[in-house]
Amino acid sequence: MEWISKVRVNTQAVLKRAQQIQGQKIPKKQWQAAWLLKTVTCIDLTTLAGDDTPSNVHRLCLKAIQPVRYDLLKNMDMHNKGVTTAAVCVYPSRVADAVKSLKAANSSLPVASVATGFPAGQTPLETRLQEVRMAVADGATEIDIVINRTLALTGQWKAMYDEIRQFREACGDAHMKTILAIGELGTFTNVYKASLVAMMAGSDFIKTSTGKETVNATYPVAIVMVRAIRDYFLRTSYKVGFKPAGGIRTAQESLLWLTLIKEELGKDWLCPLLFRLGASSLLADIERQIYHQVTGQYAAYHELPMA
């Protein structure tokens, strides 16, 4: 609590650093293709829609196993390197469908599930805990929980810590990603404090947003969160992962996110164990860019398999 009470964030410095990141030159040609394939391996391929059906989820799983067309990978001599997305992310009621589809395809890809009253987190605590337990029982190996924003906004950091600890216990062996919903936290200082509390309570990852808020993953907020991760690592030697989510749609944006992570946290974090991108439509644009690298032309969306 002493560490948390002393936190102050220099807003102008954060905004200036965010501008520098956005002004970075991104790699071109084969180097760009290599970075884009790296990005693919860090994507949590996600469907969180009200009209999700078993067939939607099945198609998503097959796309996650083979995210880039086989002939394109073969042309780049990457067809036998095991390029898949990092995980598939669905609602708790669709976890069993995803597990079944991946098992049928003989894949060990992790299934992630959102839980704890996603996206608002405004259901009773016992209901939220039960949701986590049910998702784990259905076969989810990663759980994306949402914090109770009320506790953060009213400064009840100890109560928030206690809640996240209970979610951590309910997850068991499953990885826990804590969604801060930064668009609803008000200030950078709150974002930093929430990041610290989530890490102290045992989160494996901290995640920017649900994707359902008006403000999702932005560079200034990401800088605040990754600096919190870095400070936590320097103090405890424990590495916590980072996952931006919501509004990341183009291949160019995804390369800027990788640049941010490489510069702020170092190469160690550039792997699916410590960095994920929460995205649904991003993969289609990355595949188009890779198609362009291989053929010199841009594919129409109907030429690439749907996610």
C-alpha atoms as a PDB file:
ATOM      1  CA  MET A   1       0.000   0.000   0.000  1.00  0.00           C
ATOM      2  CA  GLU A   2       2.920   2.352   0.694  1.00  0.00           C
ATOM      3  CA  TRP A   3       4.233   1.893  -2.877  1.00  0.00           C
ATOM      4  CA  ILE A   4       0.764   2.480  -4.333  1.00  0.00           C
ATOM      5  CA  SER A   5       0.116   5.603  -2.261  1.00  0.00           C
ATOM      6  CA  LYS A   6       3.323   7.249  -3.551  1.00  0.00           C
ATOM      7  CA  VAL A   7       2.545   6.779  -7.267  1.00  0.00           C
ATOM      8  CA  ARG A   8       2.525   9.905  -9.449  1.00  0.00           C
ATOM      9  CA  VAL A   9       2.481   9.851 -13.246  1.00  0.00           C
ATOM     10  CA  ASN A  10       3.992  12.678 -15.315  1.00  0.00           C
ATOM     11  CA  THR A  11       1.298  13.093 -17.984  1.00  0.00           C
ATOM     12  CA  GLN A  12       3.316  15.348 -20.319  1.00  0.00           C
ATOM     13  CA  ALA A  13       6.271  12.951 -20.356  1.00  0.00           C
ATOM     14  CA  VAL A  14       3.958  10.024 -21.125  1.00  0.00           C
ATOM     15  CA  LEU A  15       2.309  11.874 -24.039  1.00  0.00           C
ATOM     16  CA  LYS A  16       5.708  12.916 -25.436  1.00  0.00           C
ATOM     17  CA  ARG A  17       6.978   9.312 -25.340  1.00  0.00           C
ATOM     18  CA  ALA A  18       3.769   8.115 -27.031  1.00  0.00           C
ATOM     19  CA  GLN A  19       4.379  10.617 -29.859  1.00  0.00           C
ATOM     20  CA  GLN A  20       7.910   9.283 -30.314  1.00  0.00           C
ATOM     21  CA  ILE A  21       6.586   5.720 -30.603  1.00  0.00           C
ATOM     22  CA  GLN A  22       3.997   6.754 -33.208  1.00  0.00           C
ATOM     23  CA  GLY A  23       6.687   8.515 -35.234  1.00  0.00           C
ATOM     24  CA  GLN A  24       8.840   5.379 -35.514  1.00  0.00           C
ATOM     25  CA  LYS A  25       9.717   4.032 -38.943  1.00  0.00           C
ATOM     26  CA  ILE A  26       8.451   0.510 -39.430  1.00  0.00           C
ATOM     27  CA  PRO A  27      10.425  -2.210 -41.273  1.00  0.00           C
ATOM     28  CA  LYS A  28       9.817  -2.855 -44.982  1.00  0.00           C
ATOM     29  CA  LYS A  29       9.924  -5.800 -47.412  1.00  0.00           C
ATOM     30  CA  GLN A  30      11.094  -9.172 -46.016  1.00  0.00           C
ATOM     31  CA  TRP A  31      11.858  -7.653 -42.604  1.00  0.00           C
ATOM     32  CA  GLN A  32       8.280  -6.448 -42.386  1.00  0.00           C
ATOM     33  CA  ALA A  33       7.020  -9.920 -43.330  1.00  0.00           C
ATOM     34  CA  ALA A  34       9.162 -11.462 -40.572  1.00  0.00           C
ATOM     35  CA  TRP A  35       7.819  -9.013 -37.975  1.00  0.00           C
ATOM     36  CA  LEU A  36       4.262  -9.638 -39.153  1.00  0.00           C
ATOM     37  CA  LEU A  37       4.663 -13.403 -38.720  1.00  0.00           C
ATOM     38  CA  LYS A  38       5.989 -12.676 -35.221  1.00  0.00           C
ATOM     39  CA  THR A  39       2.845 -10.612 -34.607  1.00  0.00           C
ATOM     40  CA  VAL A  40       0.610 -13.497 -35.744  1.00  0.00           C
ATOM     41  CA  THR A  41       2.149 -15.783 -33.117  1.00  0.00           C
ATOM     42  CA  CYS A  42       1.214 -13.228 -30.410  1.00  0.00           C
ATOM     43  CA  ILE A  43      -2.455 -12.761 -31.397  1.00  0.00           C
ATOM     44  CA  ASP A  44      -5.296 -13.977 -29.183  1.00  0.00           C
ATOM     45  CA  LEU A  45      -7.776 -14.583 -32.002  1.00  0.00           C
ATOM     46  CA  THR A  46     -11.041 -13.398 -30.523  1.00  0.00           C
ATOM     47  CA  THR A  47     -14.776 -13.578 -31.070  1.00  0.00           C
ATOM     48  CA  LEU A  48     -16.914 -11.884 -28.416  1.00  0.00           C
ATOM     49  CA  ALA A  49     -20.194 -11.218 -30.186  1.00  0.00           C
ATOM     50  CA  GLY A  50     -23.778 -11.802 -29.159  1.00  0.00           C
ATOM     51  CA  ASP A  51     -24.341 -13.976 -32.237  1.00  0.00           C
ATOM     52  CA  ASP A  52     -21.453 -16.428 -31.628  1.00  0.00           C
ATOM     53  CA  THR A  53     -22.452 -19.976 -32.533  1.00  0.00           C
ATOM     54  CA  PRO A  54     -20.587 -23.309 -32.418  1.00  0.00           C
ATOM     55  CA  SER A  55     -19.893 -23.000 -36.168  1.00  0.00           C
ATOM     56  CA  ASN A  56     -18.420 -19.480 -35.782  1.00  0.00           C
ATOM     57  CA  VAL A  57     -16.137 -20.751 -33.043  1.00  0.00           C
ATOM     58  CA  HIS A  58     -15.166 -23.814 -35.092  1.00  0.00           C
ATOM     59  CA  ARG A  59     -14.155 -21.582 -38.017  1.00  0.00           C
ATOM     60  CA  LEU A  60     -12.189 -19.312 -35.664  1.00  0.00           C
ATOM     61  CA  CYS A  61     -10.288 -22.308 -34.257  1.00  0.00           C
ATOM     62  CA  LEU A  62      -9.344 -23.574 -37.717  1.00  0.00           C
ATOM     63  CA  LYS A  63      -8.136 -20.083 -38.644  1.00  0.00           C
ATOM     64  CA  ALA A  64      -6.064 -19.936 -35.440  1.00  0.00           C
ATOM     65  CA  ILE A  65      -4.365 -23.246 -36.323  1.00  0.00           C
ATOM     66  CA  GLN A  66      -3.620 -22.069 -39.894  1.00  0.00           C
ATOM     67  CA  PRO A  67      -3.618 -18.250 -39.624  1.00  0.00           C
ATOM     68  CA  VAL A  68      -1.808 -17.605 -42.920  1.00  0.00           C
ATOM     69  CA  ARG A  69      -2.535 -19.442 -46.157  1.00  0.00           C
ATOM     70  CA  TYR A  70      -0.276 -22.497 -46.545  1.00  0.00           C
ATOM     71  CA  ASP A  71       0.971 -21.554 -50.041  1.00  0.00           C
ATOM     72  CA  LEU A  72       2.077 -18.109 -48.770  1.00  0.00           C
ATOM     73  CA  LEU A  73       4.002 -19.653 -45.868  1.00  0.00           C
ATOM     74  CA  LYS A  74       5.584 -22.230 -48.207  1.00  0.00           C
ATOM     75  CA  ASN A  75       6.784 -19.462 -50.498  1.00  0.00           C
ATOM     76  CA  MET A  76       8.533 -17.867 -47.487  1.00  0.00           C
ATOM     77  CA  ASP A  77       9.867 -21.250 -46.282  1.00  0.00           C
ATOM     78  CA  MET A  78       7.834 -20.899 -43.068  1.00  0.00           C
ATOM     79  CA  HIS A  79       5.284 -23.674 -43.699  1.00  0.00           C
ATOM     80  CA  ASN A  80       6.941 -26.105 -41.266  1.00  0.00           C
ATOM     81  CA  LYS A  81       7.780 -23.635 -38.493  1.00  0.00           C
ATOM     82  CA  GLY A  82       4.488 -24.088 -36.608  1.00  0.00           C
ATOM     83  CA  VAL A  83       3.072 -20.599 -37.178  1.00  0.00           C
ATOM     84  CA  THR A  84      -0.222 -20.422 -35.257  1.00  0.00           C
ATOM     85  CA  THR A  85      -1.911 -17.697 -33.227  1.00  0.00           C
ATOM     86  CA  ALA A  86      -1.163 -17.637 -29.476  1.00  0.00           C
ATOM     87  CA  ALA A  87      -4.684 -18.638 -28.381  1.00  0.00           C
ATOM     88  CA  VAL A  88      -8.392 -18.523 -29.169  1.00  0.00           C
ATOM     89  CA  CYS A  89     -10.507 -16.222 -26.971  1.00  0.00           C
ATOM     90  CA  VAL A  90     -14.283 -16.737 -26.525  1.00  0.00           C
ATOM     91  CA  TYR A  91     -17.140 -16.271 -24.049  1.00  0.00           C
ATOM     92  CA  PRO A  92     -17.417 -18.868 -21.216  1.00  0.00           C
ATOM     93  CA  SER A  93     -20.440 -20.556 -22.813  1.00  0.00           C
ATOM     94  CA  ARG A  94     -18.411 -21.186 -25.999  1.00  0.00           C
ATOM     95  CA  VAL A  95     -15.310 -22.641 -24.310  1.00  0.00           C
ATOM     96  CA  ALA A  96     -16.493 -26.245 -24.682  1.00  0.00           C
ATOM     97  CA  ASP A  97     -17.087 -25.673 -28.437  1.00  0.00           C
ATOM     98  CA  ALA A  98     -13.572 -24.250 -28.883  1.00  0.00           C
ATOM     99  CA  VAL A  99     -11.952 -27.081 -26.905  1.00  0.00           C
ATOM    100  CA  LYS A 100     -13.876 -29.664 -28.954  1.00  0.00           C
ATOM    101  CA  SER A 101     -12.883 -28.066 -32.300  1.00  0.00           C
ATOM    102  CA  LEU A 102      -9.194 -27.842 -31.383  1.00  0.00           C
ATOM    103  CA  LYS A 103      -9.156 -31.410 -30.071  1.00  0.00           C
ATOM    104  CA  ALA A 104     -10.767 -32.669 -33.290  1.00  0.00           C
ATOM    105  CA  ALA A 105      -8.051 -30.850 -35.262  1.00  0.00           C
ATOM    106  CA  ASN A 106      -5.375 -32.429 -33.022  1.00  0.00           C
ATOM    107  CA  SER A 107      -4.167 -29.029 -31.829  1.00  0.00           C
ATOM    108  CA  SER A 108      -2.856 -28.046 -28.387  1.00  0.00           C
ATOM    109  CA  LEU A 109      -3.649 -24.347 -28.874  1.00  0.00           C
ATOM    110  CA  PRO A 110      -4.778 -22.723 -25.589  1.00  0.00           C
ATOM    111  CA  VAL A 111      -8.397 -21.606 -25.181  1.00  0.00           C
ATOM    112  CA  ALA A 112      -8.865 -18.304 -23.361  1.00  0.00           C
ATOM    113  CA  SER A 113     -12.178 -17.246 -21.879  1.00  0.00           C
ATOM    114  CA  VAL A 114     -13.390 -13.877 -20.647  1.00  0.00           C
ATOM    115  CA  ALA A 115     -15.115 -14.048 -17.280  1.00  0.00           C
ATOM    116  CA  THR A 116     -16.128 -12.184 -14.085  1.00  0.00           C
ATOM    117  CA  GLY A 117     -19.106 -10.359 -15.552  1.00  0.00           C
ATOM    118  CA  PHE A 118     -17.341  -9.264 -18.751  1.00  0.00           C
ATOM    119  CA  PRO A 119     -17.306  -6.471 -19.896  1.00  0.00           C
ATOM    120  CA  ALA A 120     -18.708  -4.377 -17.010  1.00  0.00           C
ATOM    121  CA  GLY A 121     -17.761  -6.569 -14.025  1.00  0.00           C
ATOM    122  CA  GLN A 122     -20.933  -5.426 -12.264  1.00  0.00           C
ATOM    123  CA  THR A 123     -22.292  -8.796 -11.154  1.00  0.00           C
ATOM    124  CA  PRO A 124     -22.074 -10.153  -7.565  1.00  0.00           C
ATOM    125  CA  LEU A 125     -18.662 -11.516  -6.542  1.00  0.00           C
ATOM    126  CA  GLU A 126     -19.887 -15.097  -6.094  1.00  0.00           C
ATOM    127  CA  THR A 127     -21.373 -15.102  -9.612  1.00  0.00           C
ATOM    128  CA  ARG A 128     -18.082 -13.842 -11.034  1.00  0.00           C
ATOM    129  CA  LEU A 129     -16.072 -16.496  -9.188  1.00  0.00           C
ATOM    130  CA  GLN A 130     -18.445 -19.228 -10.348  1.00  0.00           C
ATOM    131  CA  GLU A 131     -18.039 -18.040 -13.952  1.00  0.00           C
ATOM    132  CA  VAL A 132     -14.262 -18.468 -13.670  1.00  0.00           C
ATOM    133  CA  ARG A 133     -14.601 -21.964 -12.191  1.00  0.00           C
ATOM    134  CA  MET A 134     -17.038 -23.063 -14.911  1.00  0.00           C
ATOM    135  CA  ALA A 135     -14.780 -21.778 -17.730  1.00  0.00           C
ATOM    136  CA  VAL A 136     -11.810 -23.664 -16.238  1.00  0.00           C
ATOM    137  CA  ALA A 137     -13.922 -26.816 -15.823  1.00  0.00           C
ATOM    138  CA  ASP A 138     -14.923 -26.600 -19.512  1.00  0.00           C
ATOM    139  CA  GLY A 139     -11.254 -26.593 -20.534  1.00  0.00           C
ATOM    140  CA  ALA A 140     -10.132 -22.938 -20.637  1.00  0.00           C
ATOM    141  CA  THR A 141      -6.413 -22.657 -19.845  1.00  0.00           C
ATOM    142  CA  GLU A 142      -6.401 -18.847 -19.796  1.00  0.00           C
ATOM    143  CA  ILE A 143      -8.942 -16.577 -18.109  1.00  0.00           C
ATOM    144  CA  ASP A 144      -9.358 -12.872 -18.932  1.00  0.00           C
ATOM    145  CA  ILE A 145     -10.927 -11.312 -15.839  1.00  0.00           C
ATOM    146  CA  VAL A 146     -12.225  -7.730 -15.531  1.00  0.00           C
ATOM    147  CA  ILE A 147     -11.567  -5.605 -12.451  1.00  0.00           C
ATOM    148  CA  ASN A 148     -14.344  -3.890 -10.551  1.00  0.00           C
ATOM    149  CA  ARG A 149     -13.834  -0.309 -11.757  1.00  0.00           C
ATOM    150  CA  THR A 150     -15.863   1.063  -8.833  1.00  0.00           C
ATOM    151  CA  LEU A 151     -13.125  -0.039  -6.425  1.00  0.00           C
ATOM    152  CA  ALA A 152     -10.413   1.610  -8.520  1.00  0.00           C
ATOM    153  CA  LEU A 153     -12.299   4.884  -8.959  1.00  0.00           C
ATOM    154  CA  THR A 154     -13.031   5.157  -5.228  1.00  0.00           C
ATOM    155  CA  GLY A 155      -9.450   4.251  -4.255  1.00  0.00           C
ATOM    156  CA  GLN A 156     -10.315   0.963  -2.523  1.00  0.00           C
ATOM    157  CA  TRP A 157      -7.069  -0.702  -3.621  1.00  0.00           C
ATOM    158  CA  LYS A 158      -6.959  -3.258  -0.795  1.00  0.00           C
ATOM    159  CA  ALA A 159     -10.506  -4.445  -1.616  1.00  0.00           C
ATOM    160  CA  MET A 160      -9.543  -4.691  -5.297  1.00  0.00           C
ATOM    161  CA  TYR A 161      -6.455  -6.719  -4.400  1.00  0.00           C
ATOM    162  CA  ASP A 162      -8.578  -9.122  -2.301  1.00  0.00           C
ATOM    163  CA  GLU A 163     -11.045  -9.632  -5.175  1.00  0.00           C
ATOM    164  CA  ILE A 164      -8.301 -10.364  -7.714  1.00  0.00           C
ATOM    165  CA  ARG A 165      -6.666 -12.799  -5.262  1.00  0.00           C
ATOM    166  CA  GLN A 166      -9.926 -14.747  -5.128  1.00  0.00           C
ATOM    167  CA  PHE A 167     -10.090 -14.823  -8.934  1.00  0.00           C
ATOM    168  CA  ARG A 168      -6.479 -16.033  -8.962  1.00  0.00           C
ATOM    169  CA  GLU A 169      -7.399 -18.946  -6.674  1.00  0.00           C
ATOM    170  CA  ALA A 170     -10.492 -19.782  -8.760  1.00  0.00           C
ATOM    171  CA  CYS A 171      -8.286 -19.937 -11.894  1.00  0.00           C
ATOM    172  CA  GLY A 172      -6.165 -22.726 -10.416  1.00  0.00           C
ATOM    173  CA  ASP A 173      -3.474 -23.621 -12.979  1.00  0.00           C
ATOM    174  CA  ALA A 174      -5.019 -21.439 -15.705  1.00  0.00           C
ATOM    175  CA  HIS A 175      -3.194 -18.248 -16.672  1.00  0.00           C
ATOM    176  CA  MET A 176      -4.967 -15.125 -15.479  1.00  0.00           C
ATOM    177  CA  LYS A 177      -5.069 -11.939 -17.548  1.00  0.00           C
ATOM    178  CA  THR A 178      -6.485  -8.924 -15.722  1.00  0.00           C
ATOM    179  CA  ILE A 179      -8.409  -6.391 -17.823  1.00  0.00           C
ATOM    180  CA  LEU A 180      -8.114  -2.868 -16.401  1.00  0.00           C
ATOM    181  CA  ALA A 181     -10.678  -1.227 -18.740  1.00  0.00           C
ATOM    182  CA  ILE A 182      -8.454   1.846 -18.959  1.00  0.00           C
ATOM    183  CA  GLY A 183     -11.122   3.911 -20.739  1.00  0.00           C
ATOM    184  CA  GLU A 184     -13.080   3.972 -17.461  1.00  0.00           C
ATOM    185  CA  LEU A 185     -10.275   4.604 -14.957  1.00  0.00           C
ATOM    186  CA  GLY A 186     -10.055   8.376 -15.456  1.00  0.00           C
ATOM    187  CA  THR A 187      -6.335   9.126 -14.926  1.00  0.00           C
ATOM    188  CA  PHE A 188      -2.907   7.707 -15.775  1.00  0.00           C
ATOM    189  CA  THR A 189      -2.184   7.509 -12.039  1.00  0.00           C
ATOM    190  CA  ASN A 190      -5.209   5.245 -11.557  1.00  0.00           C
ATOM    191  CA  VAL A 191      -4.042   3.080 -14.478  1.00  0.00           C
ATOM    192  CA  TYR A 192      -0.580   2.715 -12.926  1.00  0.00           C
ATOM    193  CA  LYS A 193      -1.996   1.906  -9.485  1.00  0.00           C
ATOM    194  CA  ALA A 194      -4.482  -0.620 -10.907  1.00  0.00           C
ATOM    195  CA  SER A 195      -1.613  -2.244 -12.852  1.00  0.00           C
ATOM    196  CA  LEU A 196       0.448  -2.603  -9.666  1.00  0.00           C
ATOM    197  CA  VAL A 197      -2.453  -4.005  -7.642  1.00  0.00           C
ATOM    198  CA  ALA A 198      -3.284  -6.532 -10.388  1.00  0.00           C
ATOM    199  CA  MET A 199       0.341  -7.712 -10.536  1.00  0.00           C
ATOM    200  CA  MET A 200       0.669  -7.937  -6.750  1.00  0.00           C
ATOM    201  CA  ALA A 201      -2.493 -10.066  -6.669  1.00  0.00           C
ATOM    202  CA  GLY A 202      -0.943 -12.669  -8.972  1.00  0.00           C
ATOM    203  CA  SER A 203      -1.914 -11.709 -12.542  1.00  0.00           C
ATOM    204  CA  ASP A 204       0.114 -13.388 -15.299  1.00  0.00           C
ATOM    205  CA  PHE A 205      -0.826 -10.575 -17.700  1.00  0.00           C
ATOM    206  CA  ILE A 206      -2.331  -7.120 -17.472  1.00  0.00           C
ATOM    207  CA  LYS A 207      -4.606  -6.161 -20.355  1.00  0.00           C
ATOM    208  CA  THR A 208      -5.708  -2.695 -21.461  1.00  0.00           C
ATOM    209  CA  SER A 209      -9.396  -3.072 -22.279  1.00  0.00           C
ATOM    210  CA  THR A 210     -12.380  -5.252 -22.975  1.00  0.00           C
ATOM    211  CA  GLY A 211     -12.740  -3.817 -26.487  1.00  0.00           C
ATOM    212  CA  LYS A 212     -16.255  -2.716 -25.535  1.00  0.00           C
ATOM    213  CA  GLU A 213     -15.348   0.697 -24.050  1.00  0.00           C
ATOM    214  CA  THR A 214     -15.221   3.941 -26.016  1.00  0.00           C
ATOM    215  CA  VAL A 215     -11.448   4.218 -25.382  1.00  0.00           C
ATOM    216  CA  ASN A 216      -9.444   1.026 -25.836  1.00  0.00           C
ATOM    217  CA  ALA A 217      -5.734   0.347 -26.379  1.00  0.00           C
ATOM    218  CA  THR A 218      -3.886   3.669 -26.755  1.00  0.00           C
ATOM    219  CA  TYR A 219      -0.131   4.257 -26.749  1.00  0.00           C
ATOM    220  CA  PRO A 220      -0.006   6.658 -23.754  1.00  0.00           C
ATOM    221  CA  VAL A 221      -1.897   4.211 -21.539  1.00  0.00           C
ATOM    222  CA  ALA A 222       0.267   1.342 -22.787  1.00  0.00           C
ATOM    223  CA  ILE A 223       3.395   3.241 -21.791  1.00  0.00           C
ATOM    224  CA  VAL A 224       2.030   3.734 -18.262  1.00  0.00           C
ATOM    225  CA  MET A 225       1.190   0.011 -18.004  1.00  0.00           C
ATOM    226  CA  VAL A 226       4.492  -1.288 -19.383  1.00  0.00           C
ATOM    227  CA  ARG A 227       6.442   1.066 -17.109  1.00  0.00           C
ATOM    228  CA  ALA A 228       4.494  -0.418 -14.195  1.00  0.00           C
ATOM    229  CA  ILE A 229       5.463  -3.911 -15.444  1.00  0.00           C
ATOM    230  CA  ARG A 230       9.100  -2.819 -15.674  1.00  0.00           C
ATOM    231  CA  ASP A 231       9.116  -1.276 -12.184  1.00  0.00           C
ATOM    232  CA  TYR A 232       7.468  -4.406 -10.782  1.00  0.00           C
ATOM    233  CA  PHE A 233      10.089  -6.600 -12.497  1.00  0.00           C
ATOM    234  CA  LEU A 234      12.989  -4.479 -11.165  1.00  0.00           C
ATOM    235  CA  ARG A 235      11.592  -4.720  -7.650  1.00  0.00           C
ATOM    236  CA  THR A 236      10.504  -8.386  -7.623  1.00  0.00           C
ATOM    237  CA  SER A 237      12.341 -10.076 -10.577  1.00  0.00           C
ATOM    238  CA  TYR A 238       8.920 -11.381 -11.665  1.00  0.00           C
ATOM    239  CA  LYS A 239       7.928 -10.924 -15.315  1.00  0.00           C
ATOM    240  CA  VAL A 240       4.286 -10.054 -15.984  1.00  0.00           C
ATOM    241  CA  GLY A 241       2.897 -10.070 -19.531  1.00  0.00           C
ATOM    242  CA  PHE A 242       1.126  -7.252 -21.365  1.00  0.00           C
ATOM    243  CA  LYS A 243      -1.895  -7.460 -23.677  1.00  0.00           C
ATOM    244  CA  PRO A 244      -3.295  -4.471 -25.579  1.00  0.00           C
ATOM    245  CA  ALA A 245      -6.810  -5.144 -26.882  1.00  0.00           C
ATOM    246  CA  GLY A 246      -9.537  -3.266 -28.726  1.00  0.00           C
ATOM    247  CA  GLY A 247      -9.206  -1.127 -31.841  1.00  0.00           C
ATOM    248  CA  ILE A 248      -5.990  -2.726 -33.200  1.00  0.00           C
ATOM    249  CA  ARG A 249      -6.996  -3.379 -36.798  1.00  0.00           C
ATOM    250  CA  THR A 250      -4.063  -2.766 -39.158  1.00  0.00           C
ATOM    251  CA  ALA A 251      -0.749  -4.529 -39.677  1.00  0.00           C
ATOM    252  CA  GLN A 252       1.056  -1.185 -39.375  1.00  0.00           C
ATOM    253  CA  GLU A 253      -0.430  -0.566 -35.913  1.00  0.00           C
ATOM    254  CA  SER A 254       0.578  -4.030 -34.754  1.00  0.00           C
ATOM    255  CA  LEU A 255       4.205  -3.327 -35.759  1.00  0.00           C
ATOM    256  CA  LEU A 256       4.167  -0.152 -33.653  1.00  0.00           C
ATOM    257  CA  TRP A 257       2.949  -2.215 -30.676  1.00  0.00           C
ATOM    258  CA  LEU A 258       5.853  -4.632 -31.120  1.00  0.00           C
ATOM    259  CA  THR A 259       8.249  -1.673 -31.340  1.00  0.00           C
ATOM    260  CA  LEU A 260       6.835  -0.225 -28.104  1.00  0.00           C
ATOM    261  CA  ILE A 261       7.307  -3.529 -26.263  1.00  0.00           C
ATOM    262  CA  LYS A 262      10.838  -4.050 -27.619  1.00  0.00           C
ATOM    263  CA  GLU A 263      11.937  -0.546 -26.606  1.00  0.00           C
ATOM    264  CA  GLU A 264      10.223  -0.371 -23.217  1.00  0.00           C
ATOM    265  CA  LEU A 265      10.559  -3.949 -21.944  1.00  0.00           C
ATOM    266  CA  GLY A 266      13.186  -5.575 -24.161  1.00  0.00           C
ATOM    267  CA  LYS A 267      13.353  -8.657 -26.381  1.00  0.00           C
ATOM    268  CA  ASP A 268      12.399 -11.043 -23.568  1.00  0.00           C
ATOM    269  CA  TRP A 269       8.824  -9.761 -23.729  1.00  0.00           C
ATOM    270  CA  LEU A 270       8.486 -10.322 -27.497  1.00  0.00           C
ATOM    271  CA  CYS A 271       7.014 -13.788 -27.205  1.00  0.00           C
ATOM    272  CA  PRO A 272       3.505 -15.213 -26.644  1.00  0.00           C
ATOM    273  CA  LEU A 273       4.362 -16.026 -23.011  1.00  0.00           C
ATOM    274  CA  LEU A 274       4.664 -12.306 -22.174  1.00  0.00           C
ATOM    275  CA  PHE A 275       3.000 -10.382 -24.998  1.00  0.00           C
ATOM    276  CA  ARG A 276      -0.395 -10.836 -26.622  1.00  0.00           C
ATOM    277  CA  LEU A 277      -2.544  -8.762 -28.956  1.00  0.00           C
ATOM    278  CA  GLY A 278      -6.298  -9.063 -28.460  1.00  0.00           C
ATOM    279  CA  ALA A 279      -7.777  -8.761 -31.939  1.00  0.00           C
ATOM    280  CA  SER A 280     -10.497 -10.060 -34.216  1.00  0.00           C
ATOM    281  CA  SER A 281     -10.018  -8.239 -37.541  1.00  0.00           C
ATOM    282  CA  LEU A 282      -6.238  -7.643 -37.354  1.00  0.00           C
ATOM    283  CA  LEU A 283      -5.259 -11.042 -38.740  1.00  0.00           C
ATOM    284  CA  ALA A 284      -7.036 -10.409 -42.062  1.00  0.00           C
ATOM    285  CA  ASP A 285      -4.962  -7.275 -42.691  1.00  0.00           C
ATOM    286  CA  ILE A 286      -1.698  -8.997 -41.715  1.00  0.00           C
ATOM    287  CA  GLU A 287      -2.458 -11.839 -44.117  1.00  0.00           C
ATOM    288  CA  ARG A 288      -3.112  -9.298 -46.897  1.00  0.00           C
ATOM    289  CA  GLN A 289       0.270  -7.653 -46.249  1.00  0.00           C
ATOM    290  CA  ILE A 290       2.023 -11.041 -46.346  1.00  0.00           C
ATOM    291  CA  TYR A 291       0.161 -11.860 -49.597  1.00  0.00           C
ATOM    292  CA  HIS A 292       1.488  -8.567 -51.000  1.00  0.00           C
ATOM    293  CA  GLN A 293       5.039  -9.417 -49.913  1.00  0.00           C
ATOM    294  CA  VAL A 294       4.843 -12.800 -51.671  1.00  0.00           C
ATOM    295  CA  THR A 295       2.941 -11.889 -54.863  1.00  0.00           C
ATOM    296  CA  GLY A 296       3.433  -8.129 -55.263  1.00  0.00           C
ATOM    297  CA  GLN A 297      -0.351  -7.652 -55.295  1.00  0.00           C
ATOM    298  CA  TYR A 298      -2.994  -7.059 -52.648  1.00  0.00           C
ATOM    299  CA  ALA A 299      -5.574  -9.810 -52.139  1.00  0.00           C
ATOM    300  CA  ALA A 300      -9.272  -9.069 -51.998  1.00  0.00           C
ATOM    301  CA  TYR A 301     -10.639 -10.158 -48.613  1.00  0.00           C
ATOM    302  CA  HIS A 302     -12.652 -12.975 -50.224  1.00  0.00           C
ATOM    303  CA  GLU A 303      -9.404 -14.590 -51.442  1.00  0.00           C
ATOM    304  CA  LEU A 304      -8.275 -15.276 -47.875  1.00  0.00           C
ATOM    305  CA  PRO A 305      -9.982 -17.720 -45.486  1.00  0.00           C
ATOM    306  CA  MET A 306     -12.323 -16.042 -42.998  1.00  0.00           C
ATOM    307  CA  ALA A 307     -11.687 -15.924 -39.284  1.00  0.00           C
END
